N, C-alpha and C. Protein backbone atom coordinates (compact mmCIF):
# COMPACT_ATOMS: atom_id res chain seq x y z
N MET A 1 25.51 1.93 -7.09
CA MET A 1 24.77 2.59 -8.28
C MET A 1 23.28 1.98 -8.20
N ILE A 2 23.00 0.73 -8.04
CA ILE A 2 21.78 0.17 -8.01
C ILE A 2 20.89 0.86 -6.82
N CYS A 3 21.71 1.04 -5.74
CA CYS A 3 21.06 1.59 -4.44
C CYS A 3 20.52 2.99 -4.78
N THR A 4 21.48 3.74 -5.44
CA THR A 4 20.94 5.10 -5.88
C THR A 4 19.83 5.06 -6.79
N ALA A 5 19.77 4.15 -7.66
CA ALA A 5 18.59 4.01 -8.55
C ALA A 5 17.23 3.67 -7.78
N TRP A 6 17.47 2.79 -6.74
CA TRP A 6 16.24 2.39 -5.84
C TRP A 6 15.78 3.69 -5.03
N ILE A 7 16.79 4.35 -4.51
CA ILE A 7 16.34 5.59 -3.79
C ILE A 7 15.70 6.55 -4.67
N LEU A 8 16.13 6.74 -6.02
CA LEU A 8 15.36 7.62 -6.86
C LEU A 8 14.05 7.03 -7.28
N VAL A 9 13.80 5.73 -7.39
CA VAL A 9 12.47 5.15 -7.38
C VAL A 9 11.69 5.58 -6.31
N ILE A 10 12.12 5.49 -5.12
CA ILE A 10 11.39 5.86 -3.89
C ILE A 10 10.98 7.37 -3.97
N LEU A 11 11.95 8.21 -4.35
CA LEU A 11 11.58 9.61 -4.27
C LEU A 11 10.56 9.78 -5.38
N SER A 12 10.65 9.20 -6.47
CA SER A 12 9.60 9.36 -7.54
C SER A 12 8.31 9.13 -7.09
N LEU A 13 8.12 7.92 -6.35
CA LEU A 13 6.83 7.56 -5.75
C LEU A 13 6.37 8.60 -4.56
N VAL A 14 7.31 9.22 -3.83
CA VAL A 14 7.02 9.98 -2.77
C VAL A 14 6.24 11.30 -3.30
N PHE A 15 6.78 11.75 -4.55
CA PHE A 15 6.23 12.99 -5.08
C PHE A 15 5.11 12.72 -5.99
N GLN A 16 4.61 11.52 -6.00
CA GLN A 16 3.51 11.36 -6.81
C GLN A 16 2.14 11.64 -6.15
N PRO A 17 1.32 12.28 -6.81
CA PRO A 17 -0.01 12.67 -5.99
C PRO A 17 -0.65 11.37 -5.63
N PHE A 18 -1.51 11.48 -4.61
CA PHE A 18 -2.19 10.39 -4.10
C PHE A 18 -3.39 9.91 -5.08
N GLU A 19 -3.85 10.85 -5.80
CA GLU A 19 -4.81 10.40 -6.78
C GLU A 19 -4.24 9.53 -7.84
N ASP A 20 -2.94 9.71 -8.11
CA ASP A 20 -2.25 8.70 -9.26
C ASP A 20 -1.98 7.48 -8.58
N GLN A 21 -2.04 7.32 -7.20
CA GLN A 21 -1.74 6.04 -6.59
C GLN A 21 -2.92 5.34 -6.29
N ASP A 22 -4.18 5.97 -6.25
CA ASP A 22 -5.37 5.47 -5.68
C ASP A 22 -5.85 4.25 -6.61
N VAL A 23 -5.81 3.12 -6.07
CA VAL A 23 -6.28 1.84 -6.74
C VAL A 23 -7.78 1.53 -6.48
N ARG A 24 -8.43 2.27 -5.69
CA ARG A 24 -9.74 1.89 -5.35
C ARG A 24 -10.76 1.84 -6.48
N PRO A 25 -10.76 2.77 -7.48
CA PRO A 25 -11.59 2.59 -8.54
C PRO A 25 -11.28 1.26 -9.35
N GLU A 26 -10.19 0.97 -9.56
CA GLU A 26 -9.63 -0.41 -10.25
C GLU A 26 -10.26 -1.45 -9.42
N MET A 27 -10.10 -1.50 -8.08
CA MET A 27 -10.70 -2.66 -7.26
C MET A 27 -12.06 -2.66 -7.39
N GLU A 28 -12.81 -1.58 -7.29
CA GLU A 28 -14.26 -1.48 -7.37
C GLU A 28 -14.69 -2.05 -8.68
N ALA A 29 -14.00 -1.81 -9.74
CA ALA A 29 -14.42 -2.31 -11.13
C ALA A 29 -14.20 -3.85 -11.27
N ARG A 30 -13.27 -4.48 -10.48
CA ARG A 30 -12.91 -5.75 -10.67
C ARG A 30 -13.31 -6.76 -9.64
N ILE A 31 -13.72 -6.26 -8.28
CA ILE A 31 -14.08 -7.13 -7.28
C ILE A 31 -15.27 -6.63 -6.52
N SER A 32 -16.14 -7.44 -6.17
CA SER A 32 -17.38 -6.95 -5.48
C SER A 32 -17.13 -6.63 -3.99
N LYS A 33 -17.86 -5.77 -3.44
CA LYS A 33 -17.56 -5.42 -2.16
C LYS A 33 -17.72 -6.66 -1.21
N GLU A 34 -18.67 -7.49 -1.44
CA GLU A 34 -18.92 -8.66 -0.57
C GLU A 34 -17.83 -9.70 -0.63
N ARG A 35 -17.25 -9.76 -1.81
CA ARG A 35 -16.18 -10.82 -2.03
C ARG A 35 -14.85 -10.29 -1.35
N LEU A 36 -14.60 -9.02 -1.49
CA LEU A 36 -13.48 -8.26 -0.84
C LEU A 36 -13.63 -8.43 0.74
N GLN A 37 -14.72 -8.15 1.10
CA GLN A 37 -14.96 -8.34 2.70
C GLN A 37 -14.69 -9.65 3.20
N LYS A 38 -14.99 -10.66 2.46
CA LYS A 38 -14.77 -12.08 2.82
C LYS A 38 -13.14 -12.46 2.90
N VAL A 39 -12.46 -11.84 2.09
CA VAL A 39 -10.93 -12.14 2.06
C VAL A 39 -10.13 -11.23 2.99
N LEU A 40 -10.67 -10.17 3.36
CA LEU A 40 -9.94 -9.28 4.20
C LEU A 40 -9.88 -9.73 5.63
N PRO A 41 -8.89 -9.48 6.43
CA PRO A 41 -8.85 -9.88 7.94
C PRO A 41 -9.90 -9.11 8.58
N LYS A 42 -10.75 -9.71 9.46
CA LYS A 42 -11.78 -9.05 10.23
C LYS A 42 -11.07 -8.31 11.55
N VAL A 43 -10.39 -7.31 11.21
CA VAL A 43 -9.58 -6.51 12.23
C VAL A 43 -9.87 -5.07 11.96
N GLU A 44 -10.11 -4.31 13.14
CA GLU A 44 -10.27 -2.99 13.03
C GLU A 44 -9.10 -2.32 13.99
N PHE A 45 -8.54 -1.23 13.61
CA PHE A 45 -7.56 -0.51 14.39
C PHE A 45 -7.63 0.88 13.97
N SER A 46 -7.12 1.61 14.76
CA SER A 46 -6.98 3.14 14.46
C SER A 46 -5.59 3.39 13.93
N PHE A 47 -5.44 4.24 12.99
CA PHE A 47 -4.14 4.54 12.51
C PHE A 47 -4.23 6.02 12.13
N ALA A 48 -3.31 6.86 12.62
CA ALA A 48 -3.28 8.34 12.29
C ALA A 48 -4.62 8.81 12.63
N GLY A 49 -5.26 8.43 13.63
CA GLY A 49 -6.51 9.00 14.10
C GLY A 49 -7.70 8.57 13.32
N ARG A 50 -7.61 7.69 12.48
CA ARG A 50 -8.69 7.16 11.67
C ARG A 50 -8.84 5.71 11.76
N LEU A 51 -10.08 5.29 11.93
CA LEU A 51 -10.45 3.83 12.08
C LEU A 51 -10.20 3.04 10.78
N GLN A 52 -9.42 2.17 10.82
CA GLN A 52 -9.28 1.22 9.52
C GLN A 52 -10.04 -0.01 9.95
N THR A 53 -11.07 -0.21 8.92
CA THR A 53 -11.99 -1.31 9.27
C THR A 53 -12.21 -2.01 7.90
N TYR A 54 -12.55 -3.38 8.12
CA TYR A 54 -12.87 -4.20 7.00
C TYR A 54 -14.30 -3.91 6.53
N ARG A 55 -15.02 -3.15 7.37
CA ARG A 55 -16.31 -2.74 6.85
C ARG A 55 -16.40 -1.70 5.69
N GLU A 56 -15.15 -1.07 5.55
CA GLU A 56 -14.98 -0.28 4.27
C GLU A 56 -13.90 -0.92 3.57
N PRO A 57 -14.33 -2.02 2.81
CA PRO A 57 -13.37 -2.95 2.09
C PRO A 57 -12.34 -2.29 1.17
N TYR A 58 -12.84 -1.36 0.25
CA TYR A 58 -11.96 -0.71 -0.66
C TYR A 58 -10.88 0.22 -0.10
N ARG A 59 -11.27 0.99 0.83
CA ARG A 59 -10.33 1.84 1.63
C ARG A 59 -9.42 0.98 2.43
N TYR A 60 -9.84 -0.02 3.13
CA TYR A 60 -9.15 -0.99 3.95
C TYR A 60 -8.12 -1.79 3.15
N ALA A 61 -8.43 -2.24 2.04
CA ALA A 61 -7.56 -3.00 1.07
C ALA A 61 -6.53 -2.04 0.56
N GLN A 62 -6.84 -0.88 0.20
CA GLN A 62 -5.82 0.07 -0.28
C GLN A 62 -4.79 0.51 0.84
N PHE A 63 -5.37 0.66 2.12
CA PHE A 63 -4.37 0.92 3.15
C PHE A 63 -3.39 -0.25 3.40
N LEU A 64 -4.06 -1.51 3.29
CA LEU A 64 -3.02 -2.76 3.49
C LEU A 64 -2.03 -2.87 2.36
N LEU A 65 -2.59 -2.53 1.11
CA LEU A 65 -1.61 -2.53 -0.08
C LEU A 65 -0.48 -1.45 0.08
N ARG A 66 -0.92 -0.32 0.47
CA ARG A 66 0.11 0.71 0.58
C ARG A 66 1.19 0.42 1.67
N LYS A 67 0.66 -0.07 2.77
CA LYS A 67 1.58 -0.28 3.89
C LYS A 67 2.47 -1.52 3.45
N GLY A 68 1.87 -2.47 2.86
CA GLY A 68 2.74 -3.57 2.30
C GLY A 68 3.77 -3.10 1.29
N ALA A 69 3.36 -2.25 0.38
CA ALA A 69 4.27 -1.65 -0.42
C ALA A 69 5.51 -0.86 0.23
N HIS A 70 5.11 -0.23 1.22
CA HIS A 70 6.10 0.52 2.06
C HIS A 70 7.27 -0.54 2.53
N LEU A 71 6.61 -1.62 3.19
CA LEU A 71 7.46 -2.71 3.73
C LEU A 71 8.35 -3.24 2.67
N PHE A 72 7.77 -3.63 1.37
CA PHE A 72 8.61 -4.11 0.34
C PHE A 72 9.66 -3.13 -0.17
N ILE A 73 9.26 -1.88 -0.30
CA ILE A 73 10.27 -1.00 -0.86
C ILE A 73 11.40 -0.63 0.06
N TYR A 74 11.04 -0.53 1.30
CA TYR A 74 12.14 -0.18 2.30
C TYR A 74 13.00 -1.50 2.64
N ALA A 75 12.34 -2.70 2.61
CA ALA A 75 13.05 -3.90 2.89
C ALA A 75 14.08 -4.05 1.69
N GLY A 76 13.70 -3.82 0.45
CA GLY A 76 14.53 -3.85 -0.64
C GLY A 76 15.65 -2.86 -0.70
N LEU A 77 15.48 -1.70 -0.29
CA LEU A 77 16.47 -0.71 0.09
C LEU A 77 17.52 -1.32 1.11
N ALA A 78 16.99 -1.82 2.13
CA ALA A 78 17.89 -2.31 3.20
C ALA A 78 18.73 -3.50 2.67
N PHE A 79 18.06 -4.31 1.90
CA PHE A 79 18.90 -5.45 1.19
C PHE A 79 20.02 -4.91 0.34
N LEU A 80 19.63 -3.93 -0.48
CA LEU A 80 20.66 -3.44 -1.39
C LEU A 80 21.76 -2.74 -0.53
N VAL A 81 21.40 -2.07 0.48
CA VAL A 81 22.51 -1.48 1.33
C VAL A 81 23.41 -2.52 1.93
N VAL A 82 22.86 -3.64 2.38
CA VAL A 82 23.69 -4.47 3.02
C VAL A 82 24.36 -5.50 2.10
N TYR A 83 23.85 -5.77 1.02
CA TYR A 83 24.43 -6.75 0.11
C TYR A 83 25.13 -6.05 -1.20
N GLN A 84 25.13 -4.80 -1.33
CA GLN A 84 25.69 -4.25 -2.52
C GLN A 84 27.18 -3.97 -2.35
């Protein structure tokens, strides 16, 4: 049952428009660009044909948050499948 609920949460997030998930405006209001650049890893890489760089700190931080959220959500689902 809880596994089904977790899957429904995942599906609700999948169908949520990107604009509703965009946290960049909130980050821009709360943390300066310079401060954010100091805490982000100084790593650049290509993902899906686009350069991910700390030089664009708000976009980079959002990318890292979203990928971390994917890891958490799917790890949670795996945990529920194994231990339910």
